[in-house]
Amino acid sequence: MSHWNFNTQAIHSEQYPDKKTGAISQPIIPAVAYSFEDADTAVAVVSGEKEGSYYGRYGNPTTRTLEKKVAALEGAEDALGVSSGMAAISIALMANLRAGDHVVVTKDVYGGTHKFLCNIASRYDMQYDFVDCTNLDSIENAIRQETRAIYIETPSNPSLTLIEIEAVAEITKRYNIVLIVDNTFMTPYLQKPLELGADIVVHSATKYLNGHGDVIAGIICGKKAVIDYMRKNIMGDLGQNLNAWESFLILRGIKTLGVRLDRHCSNAQQVAEFLDTHPLVDHVYYPGLKSHPQHHLAKQQMKRMGGIVSFEVKGGVQAGKDFIRALKIAMISFSLGDPETLVQHPASMTHSSIPENELDNFGIAKGLIRLSVGLEDVEDIISDLEQALKVISITVKN
């Protein structure tokens, strides 16, 4: 219900006890095929005239519950659950681009998005430009007659640059093009892009929405007609559907989303403040720090500042690698948003598809470290960081 607060919605919205058994837990329905009373009913379901499932590649009842819940949390007309975050990103782009069309993309973008555009979209003559989307003039200057969409993520992965969603939405509406926002880092608990004027929101549900590191999934939110088109003409035809078991796990994870993110944010703020004062740390990127150049914007469009902290240690790339190897609690991993604190080196891991000589253009320093701050006791996380910094102190001094 729209009048409920977030945590109540996260637990109760679109979920009800099973009518037959009374079970409170969401039923898992992994069926491929569904029966119908007659051919007319089957046609009505396939055409969308009647709600229902007809073939597993186009969805199932468990996934449908998840879609309705995330749509309610984002304030969208509908949502689509798909097989991965990259499936969500690629479907959102393909639904709006044909051969010869053009998209403006923030230069601070997830490496998987960069790779999709360079390796796949370009093969089908979908045009793109990477632009500094913090500069509204740069966005307008990049728009062509063939431009059909602007794609942003805010905060960005991994440098945590913020983009003013409302201001970019004013541009897209003026040019009658679509604004797509990757809201993975924030989730609907911390940021509502649709309320700020976005048309489509994508999530890697693998991350905070699930929150337990045991699911690969994506979610797309938007108007019902747009979601229906994606379901019937892209997701189903390409086989990018989400299965019932993983939908169940995300539904379970969402029930604690607000509680988990409060802890992630609190821990991240304290970690960022510790790193910001440490003599072996050159730069800390976290919107919750007053030193962040867009701290004021963060307070305007975000409820809290998120669970990701990026930073550079003194001593360059080798010192950075020595540092993450010395950590004992934090684990080196490609993912984020799990209960465990995870750390990675973007230049050689998540953003390795970007040529080394172009990393600076995308705001990624070669020695940058991304820390997904977990749910452990923050004193233990900070102690782990401190001992790892001591390990590299000898190397840095030499």
Protein backbone atom coordinates (compact mmCIF):
# COMPACT_ATOMS: atom_id res chain seq x y z
CA MET A 1 0.00 0.00 0.00
CA SER A 2 1.33 3.43 -0.97
CA HIS A 3 0.62 4.95 2.47
CA TRP A 4 2.91 2.43 4.23
CA ASN A 5 6.47 3.38 5.11
CA PHE A 6 9.31 1.63 3.27
CA ASN A 7 10.08 -1.26 5.63
CA THR A 8 6.40 -2.14 5.93
CA GLN A 9 6.10 -2.11 2.13
CA ALA A 10 9.24 -4.20 1.77
CA ILE A 11 7.72 -6.90 3.97
CA HIS A 12 4.03 -6.82 3.03
CA SER A 13 3.53 -5.17 -0.37
CA GLU A 14 2.20 -7.61 -3.01
CA GLN A 15 2.74 -10.64 -0.74
CA TYR A 16 -0.12 -12.49 0.94
CA PRO A 17 -0.61 -15.84 2.70
CA ASP A 18 -1.17 -18.67 0.23
CA LYS A 19 -4.93 -19.06 -0.31
CA LYS A 20 -4.85 -22.85 -0.22
CA THR A 21 -2.33 -23.60 2.55
CA GLY A 22 -2.16 -20.35 4.52
CA ALA A 23 1.64 -20.35 4.15
CA ILE A 24 3.14 -16.93 4.82
CA SER A 25 6.35 -17.69 2.94
CA GLN A 26 6.20 -17.04 -0.81
CA PRO A 27 5.41 -20.19 -2.85
CA ILE A 28 8.11 -21.23 -5.33
CA ILE A 29 6.50 -22.14 -8.66
CA PRO A 30 9.12 -23.27 -11.18
CA ALA A 31 6.66 -24.50 -13.81
CA VAL A 32 7.44 -24.25 -17.52
CA ALA A 33 3.92 -24.80 -18.84
CA TYR A 34 0.47 -23.70 -17.60
CA SER A 35 -2.94 -25.12 -18.46
CA PHE A 36 -6.01 -23.15 -19.52
CA GLU A 37 -9.74 -23.85 -19.43
CA ASP A 38 -10.06 -23.12 -23.13
CA ALA A 39 -8.20 -21.65 -26.09
CA ASP A 40 -9.80 -18.23 -25.67
CA THR A 41 -8.42 -17.93 -22.13
CA ALA A 42 -4.96 -18.95 -23.35
CA VAL A 43 -5.06 -16.27 -26.06
CA ALA A 44 -6.21 -13.64 -23.52
CA VAL A 45 -3.27 -14.40 -21.22
CA VAL A 46 -0.72 -14.40 -24.04
CA SER A 47 -2.05 -11.11 -25.42
CA GLY A 48 -2.00 -9.47 -22.00
CA GLU A 49 -5.75 -8.98 -21.79
CA LYS A 50 -5.82 -11.26 -18.75
CA GLU A 51 -3.20 -11.56 -15.97
CA GLY A 52 -1.42 -14.89 -15.84
CA SER A 53 1.56 -17.03 -16.82
CA TYR A 54 1.65 -19.06 -20.03
CA TYR A 55 5.26 -20.21 -20.62
CA GLY A 56 8.27 -20.15 -18.32
CA ARG A 57 10.48 -18.15 -20.66
CA TYR A 58 8.12 -15.17 -20.28
CA GLY A 59 7.82 -15.33 -16.49
CA ASN A 60 6.31 -17.31 -13.64
CA PRO A 61 4.08 -16.54 -10.62
CA THR A 62 6.96 -16.30 -8.13
CA THR A 63 8.86 -13.87 -10.35
CA ARG A 64 5.63 -11.95 -10.95
CA THR A 65 5.28 -11.35 -7.21
CA LEU A 66 8.84 -10.02 -7.14
CA GLU A 67 8.17 -7.74 -10.11
CA LYS A 68 5.09 -6.26 -8.48
CA LYS A 69 6.92 -5.71 -5.19
CA VAL A 70 9.90 -3.91 -6.75
CA ALA A 71 7.55 -1.83 -8.92
CA ALA A 72 5.69 -0.77 -5.77
CA LEU A 73 8.93 0.14 -3.98
CA GLU A 74 10.23 2.14 -6.97
CA GLY A 75 6.87 3.80 -7.64
CA ALA A 76 6.67 2.26 -11.13
CA GLU A 77 3.67 1.00 -13.07
CA ASP A 78 5.37 -2.35 -13.59
CA ALA A 79 8.68 -4.20 -13.42
CA LEU A 80 10.45 -7.05 -15.19
CA GLY A 81 12.63 -9.64 -13.47
CA VAL A 82 15.47 -10.91 -15.67
CA SER A 83 18.43 -13.26 -15.46
CA SER A 84 21.16 -10.74 -14.46
CA GLY A 85 21.98 -7.09 -14.00
CA MET A 86 23.55 -7.10 -17.46
CA ALA A 87 20.34 -8.57 -18.87
CA ALA A 88 18.46 -5.63 -17.33
CA ILE A 89 20.93 -3.11 -18.78
CA SER A 90 21.02 -4.67 -22.25
CA ILE A 91 17.23 -5.07 -22.46
CA ALA A 92 16.66 -1.45 -21.37
CA LEU A 93 19.04 -0.24 -24.08
CA MET A 94 17.84 -2.59 -26.84
CA ALA A 95 14.22 -1.64 -26.18
CA ASN A 96 15.06 1.95 -27.05
CA LEU A 97 17.72 1.59 -29.75
CA ARG A 98 17.58 0.31 -33.30
CA ALA A 99 20.37 0.24 -35.88
CA GLY A 100 21.56 3.79 -36.44
CA ASP A 101 20.13 5.12 -33.17
CA HIS A 102 22.33 6.87 -30.61
CA VAL A 103 22.56 6.89 -26.80
CA VAL A 104 24.40 9.32 -24.53
CA VAL A 105 26.08 7.41 -21.70
CA THR A 106 27.72 8.74 -18.56
CA LYS A 107 31.48 8.24 -18.78
CA ASP A 108 31.48 6.99 -15.16
CA VAL A 109 29.79 3.73 -16.01
CA TYR A 110 29.96 0.11 -14.89
CA GLY A 111 32.51 -1.89 -16.88
CA GLY A 112 29.90 -4.41 -18.02
CA THR A 113 27.80 -1.61 -19.54
CA HIS A 114 30.89 -0.24 -21.30
CA LYS A 115 31.69 -3.69 -22.68
CA PHE A 116 28.12 -4.28 -23.89
CA LEU A 117 28.13 -1.02 -25.84
CA CYS A 118 31.60 -1.52 -27.32
CA ASN A 119 31.38 -5.25 -28.11
CA ILE A 120 27.71 -5.98 -28.81
CA ALA A 121 25.66 -2.82 -29.43
CA SER A 122 28.26 -1.50 -31.87
CA ARG A 123 28.01 -4.73 -33.93
CA TYR A 124 24.37 -3.85 -34.62
CA ASP A 125 25.12 -0.22 -35.47
CA MET A 126 23.82 1.21 -32.19
CA GLN A 127 25.78 4.43 -31.68
CA TYR A 128 26.96 5.80 -28.33
CA ASP A 129 29.04 8.55 -26.78
CA PHE A 130 30.54 8.52 -23.29
CA VAL A 131 29.99 11.97 -21.79
CA ASP A 132 30.62 13.79 -18.52
CA CYS A 133 26.99 13.80 -17.40
CA THR A 134 27.74 15.99 -14.40
CA ASN A 135 28.00 18.77 -17.01
CA LEU A 136 24.56 19.50 -18.45
CA ASP A 137 26.01 21.43 -21.39
CA SER A 138 28.10 18.39 -22.33
CA ILE A 139 24.95 16.27 -22.38
CA GLU A 140 23.09 18.69 -24.64
CA ASN A 141 26.08 19.06 -26.94
CA ALA A 142 26.21 15.26 -27.33
CA ILE A 143 22.56 14.89 -28.32
CA ARG A 144 22.04 14.19 -32.03
CA GLN A 145 18.98 13.85 -34.22
CA GLU A 146 19.40 10.07 -33.83
CA THR A 147 19.65 10.17 -30.01
CA ARG A 148 16.95 8.06 -28.39
CA ALA A 149 18.13 7.77 -24.78
CA ILE A 150 20.44 9.00 -22.05
CA TYR A 151 21.87 6.34 -19.75
CA ILE A 152 23.31 7.23 -16.34
CA GLU A 153 24.21 5.60 -13.04
CA THR A 154 24.42 7.62 -9.87
CA PRO A 155 26.43 7.21 -7.71
CA SER A 156 28.74 5.80 -10.36
CA ASN A 157 30.68 2.56 -10.16
CA PRO A 158 33.39 2.77 -8.85
CA SER A 159 34.29 6.46 -8.43
CA LEU A 160 30.97 7.44 -6.77
CA THR A 161 30.36 10.46 -8.98
CA LEU A 162 26.82 11.82 -8.67
CA ILE A 163 24.56 13.04 -11.46
CA GLU A 164 21.59 15.32 -10.85
CA ILE A 165 18.76 13.11 -12.05
CA GLU A 166 16.11 15.85 -12.05
CA ALA A 167 18.24 18.19 -14.18
CA VAL A 168 19.05 15.45 -16.71
CA ALA A 169 15.34 14.51 -16.83
CA GLU A 170 14.50 18.08 -17.81
CA ILE A 171 16.82 17.70 -20.80
CA THR A 172 15.40 14.34 -21.87
CA LYS A 173 11.85 15.65 -21.70
CA ARG A 174 12.79 18.69 -23.75
CA TYR A 175 14.27 16.48 -26.47
CA ASN A 176 11.62 13.76 -26.09
CA ILE A 177 14.15 11.04 -25.36
CA VAL A 178 14.26 8.35 -22.66
CA LEU A 179 16.21 8.61 -19.40
CA ILE A 180 17.51 5.28 -18.06
CA VAL A 181 19.02 5.22 -14.56
CA ASP A 182 21.02 2.39 -12.99
CA ASN A 183 19.91 2.47 -9.35
CA THR A 184 21.86 -0.60 -8.18
CA PHE A 185 24.03 1.19 -5.60
CA MET A 186 21.09 3.02 -4.00
CA THR A 187 18.06 0.71 -4.36
CA PRO A 188 14.58 2.22 -3.97
CA TYR A 189 15.24 2.57 -0.25
CA LEU A 190 17.85 5.29 -0.75
CA GLN A 191 16.91 6.86 -4.09
CA LYS A 192 13.78 7.08 -6.30
CA PRO A 193 14.85 8.02 -9.85
CA LEU A 194 11.30 7.78 -11.26
CA GLU A 195 10.12 10.43 -8.81
CA LEU A 196 12.95 12.65 -10.09
CA GLY A 197 11.88 12.29 -13.72
CA ALA A 198 13.58 9.11 -14.99
CA ASP A 199 11.65 6.88 -17.40
CA ILE A 200 13.31 3.53 -16.76
CA VAL A 201 15.22 2.22 -13.72
CA VAL A 202 17.51 -0.81 -13.85
CA HIS A 203 18.97 -2.84 -11.00
CA SER A 204 21.46 -5.59 -10.61
CA ALA A 205 19.29 -7.45 -8.09
CA THR A 206 22.37 -9.61 -7.47
CA LYS A 207 23.58 -6.85 -5.18
CA TYR A 208 21.65 -5.10 -2.40
CA LEU A 209 18.13 -6.16 -3.38
CA ASN A 210 19.02 -9.79 -2.72
CA GLY A 211 21.80 -8.90 -0.32
CA HIS A 212 23.21 -12.35 0.41
CA GLY A 213 25.54 -13.15 -2.46
CA ASP A 214 23.63 -16.20 -3.70
CA VAL A 215 21.61 -14.89 -6.68
CA ILE A 216 22.29 -13.52 -10.17
CA ALA A 217 19.36 -11.35 -11.28
CA GLY A 218 18.25 -8.03 -12.71
CA ILE A 219 15.15 -5.84 -12.48
CA ILE A 220 13.79 -3.20 -14.88
CA CYS A 221 11.10 -0.73 -13.74
CA GLY A 222 9.00 1.61 -15.85
CA LYS A 223 5.64 2.15 -17.50
CA LYS A 224 3.52 -0.96 -18.05
CA ALA A 225 3.49 -0.68 -21.84
CA VAL A 226 7.29 -0.43 -21.92
CA ILE A 227 7.73 -3.41 -19.58
CA ASP A 228 5.25 -5.48 -21.60
CA TYR A 229 7.22 -4.76 -24.77
CA MET A 230 10.49 -5.79 -23.10
CA ARG A 231 8.94 -9.00 -21.75
CA LYS A 232 7.35 -10.16 -24.99
CA ASN A 233 9.82 -8.92 -27.58
CA ILE A 234 13.25 -9.01 -25.94
CA MET A 235 13.50 -10.94 -22.66
CA GLY A 236 11.40 -13.91 -23.72
CA ASP A 237 12.80 -14.12 -27.23
CA LEU A 238 16.42 -13.94 -26.02
CA GLY A 239 15.81 -16.29 -23.08
CA GLN A 240 16.83 -13.81 -20.37
CA ASN A 241 14.11 -14.84 -17.92
CA LEU A 242 14.57 -15.06 -14.16
CA ASN A 243 13.81 -18.39 -12.47
CA ALA A 244 11.44 -18.97 -9.57
CA TRP A 245 14.03 -20.00 -6.99
CA GLU A 246 16.14 -16.88 -7.44
CA SER A 247 12.99 -14.73 -7.40
CA PHE A 248 12.08 -16.31 -4.06
CA LEU A 249 15.52 -15.54 -2.63
CA ILE A 250 15.30 -11.89 -3.70
CA LEU A 251 11.81 -11.58 -2.21
CA ARG A 252 13.23 -12.91 1.05
CA GLY A 253 16.17 -10.50 0.85
CA ILE A 254 14.00 -7.46 0.18
CA LYS A 255 12.17 -7.97 3.48
CA THR A 256 15.35 -6.86 5.29
CA LEU A 257 16.53 -4.36 2.65
CA GLY A 258 15.96 -1.23 4.73
CA VAL A 259 17.47 -2.73 7.89
CA ARG A 260 20.53 -4.00 5.99
CA LEU A 261 21.12 -0.76 4.13
CA ASP A 262 20.94 1.28 7.32
CA ARG A 263 23.82 -0.84 8.65
CA HIS A 264 25.75 -0.76 5.35
CA CYS A 265 25.46 3.04 5.26
CA SER A 266 26.39 3.54 8.89
CA ASN A 267 29.45 1.30 8.57
CA ALA A 268 30.51 2.91 5.29
CA GLN A 269 30.32 6.41 6.75
CA GLN A 270 32.62 5.44 9.63
CA VAL A 271 35.03 3.62 7.30
CA ALA A 272 35.17 6.62 4.98
CA GLU A 273 35.90 8.97 7.89
CA PHE A 274 38.70 6.67 9.10
CA LEU A 275 40.30 6.44 5.66
CA ASP A 276 39.92 10.17 5.06
CA THR A 277 42.27 10.97 7.94
CA HIS A 278 44.83 8.22 7.35
CA PRO A 279 48.25 9.42 6.15
CA LEU A 280 48.67 6.49 3.71
CA VAL A 281 45.40 7.26 1.88
CA ASP A 282 45.54 9.81 -0.93
CA HIS A 283 41.88 10.22 -1.85
CA VAL A 284 38.57 8.94 -0.49
CA TYR A 285 35.44 8.94 -2.64
CA TYR A 286 32.26 8.78 -0.58
CA PRO A 287 29.22 11.08 -0.90
CA GLY A 288 28.80 11.18 2.87
CA LEU A 289 32.04 13.09 3.34
CA LYS A 290 31.78 16.87 3.26
CA SER A 291 34.92 16.82 1.11
CA HIS A 292 33.02 15.03 -1.67
CA PRO A 293 32.44 17.65 -4.39
CA GLN A 294 28.75 16.66 -4.71
CA HIS A 295 27.97 16.18 -1.03
CA HIS A 296 25.16 18.74 -1.21
CA LEU A 297 23.55 16.98 -4.21
CA ALA A 298 23.82 13.66 -2.39
CA LYS A 299 21.81 15.08 0.52
CA GLN A 300 19.19 16.33 -1.94
CA GLN A 301 18.47 13.19 -3.97
CA MET A 302 19.60 10.35 -1.69
CA LYS A 303 18.17 9.26 1.66
CA ARG A 304 21.56 8.02 2.89
CA MET A 305 24.98 7.71 1.28
CA GLY A 306 25.29 4.02 0.44
CA GLY A 307 27.60 1.17 1.35
CA ILE A 308 30.42 1.65 -1.18
CA VAL A 309 33.65 3.51 -0.37
CA SER A 310 36.36 3.98 -3.02
CA PHE A 311 39.84 5.26 -2.25
CA GLU A 312 43.46 5.41 -3.39
CA VAL A 313 46.40 4.42 -1.21
CA LYS A 314 49.81 6.00 -1.53
CA GLY A 315 52.34 3.97 -3.47
CA GLY A 316 50.35 3.36 -6.67
CA VAL A 317 49.07 0.14 -8.18
CA GLN A 318 51.47 -2.25 -6.43
CA ALA A 319 50.75 -0.77 -3.01
CA GLY A 320 47.04 -1.10 -3.74
CA LYS A 321 47.39 -4.76 -4.64
CA ASP A 322 49.56 -5.42 -1.56
CA PHE A 323 46.93 -3.69 0.57
CA ILE A 324 43.97 -5.76 -0.59
CA ARG A 325 46.02 -8.96 -0.28
CA ALA A 326 46.83 -8.07 3.35
CA LEU A 327 43.18 -7.74 4.37
CA LYS A 328 41.88 -10.55 6.58
CA ILE A 329 38.15 -9.84 6.95
CA ALA A 330 37.51 -8.14 3.61
CA MET A 331 37.60 -10.60 0.71
CA ILE A 332 38.78 -9.87 -2.82
CA SER A 333 35.70 -10.23 -5.00
CA PHE A 334 33.97 -8.84 -8.11
CA SER A 335 30.61 -8.35 -6.40
CA LEU A 336 29.15 -5.95 -3.83
CA GLY A 337 26.18 -5.56 -1.52
CA ASP A 338 26.75 -8.80 0.41
CA PRO A 339 26.81 -9.18 4.22
CA GLU A 340 30.58 -9.68 3.91
CA THR A 341 32.94 -6.77 3.26
CA LEU A 342 34.28 -7.18 -0.27
CA VAL A 343 37.19 -5.38 -1.92
CA GLN A 344 38.44 -5.13 -5.48
CA HIS A 345 40.79 -3.28 -7.84
CA PRO A 346 38.51 -1.88 -10.59
CA ALA A 347 41.21 -1.21 -13.22
CA SER A 348 42.19 -4.88 -13.35
CA MET A 349 38.86 -6.45 -12.36
CA THR A 350 35.37 -5.00 -13.02
CA HIS A 351 36.59 -2.39 -15.53
CA SER A 352 39.27 -4.45 -17.25
CA SER A 353 37.43 -4.07 -20.59
CA ILE A 354 38.46 -0.39 -20.63
CA PRO A 355 41.91 0.03 -22.22
CA GLU A 356 44.53 1.08 -19.66
CA ASN A 357 45.34 4.28 -21.54
CA GLU A 358 41.65 5.30 -21.37
CA LEU A 359 41.06 4.67 -17.65
CA ASP A 360 41.67 8.32 -16.72
CA ASN A 361 38.98 9.39 -19.21
CA PHE A 362 36.50 7.27 -17.29
CA GLY A 363 37.57 8.64 -13.90
CA ILE A 364 39.28 5.42 -12.79
CA ALA A 365 42.71 5.84 -11.25
CA LYS A 366 44.97 2.82 -11.73
CA GLY A 367 45.41 2.51 -7.98
CA LEU A 368 41.73 2.95 -7.09
CA ILE A 369 40.26 0.45 -4.60
CA ARG A 370 36.53 -0.19 -4.23
CA LEU A 371 35.30 -1.38 -0.85
CA SER A 372 31.81 -2.80 -0.43
CA VAL A 373 31.39 -2.28 3.29
CA GLY A 374 29.60 -5.21 4.87
CA LEU A 375 27.47 -5.84 7.95
CA GLU A 376 30.27 -6.87 10.30
CA ASP A 377 30.96 -4.82 13.42
CA VAL A 378 32.48 -1.64 12.07
CA GLU A 379 35.29 -1.67 14.65
CA ASP A 380 36.50 -4.96 13.15
CA ILE A 381 36.31 -3.65 9.59
CA ILE A 382 38.34 -0.56 10.51
CA SER A 383 40.87 -2.65 12.45
CA ASP A 384 41.32 -4.84 9.37
CA LEU A 385 41.90 -1.81 7.15
CA GLU A 386 44.34 -0.37 9.67
CA GLN A 387 46.50 -3.52 9.86
CA ALA A 388 46.58 -3.77 6.04
CA LEU A 389 47.72 -0.16 5.79
CA LYS A 390 50.51 -0.94 8.23
CA VAL A 391 51.63 -3.78 5.98
CA ILE A 392 52.14 -1.41 3.02
CA SER A 393 53.64 1.39 5.09
CA ILE A 394 57.15 -0.07 4.69
CA THR A 395 56.73 -0.33 0.90
CA VAL A 396 55.43 3.23 0.67
CA LYS A 397 58.30 4.64 2.75
CA ASN A 398 60.85 2.86 0.56
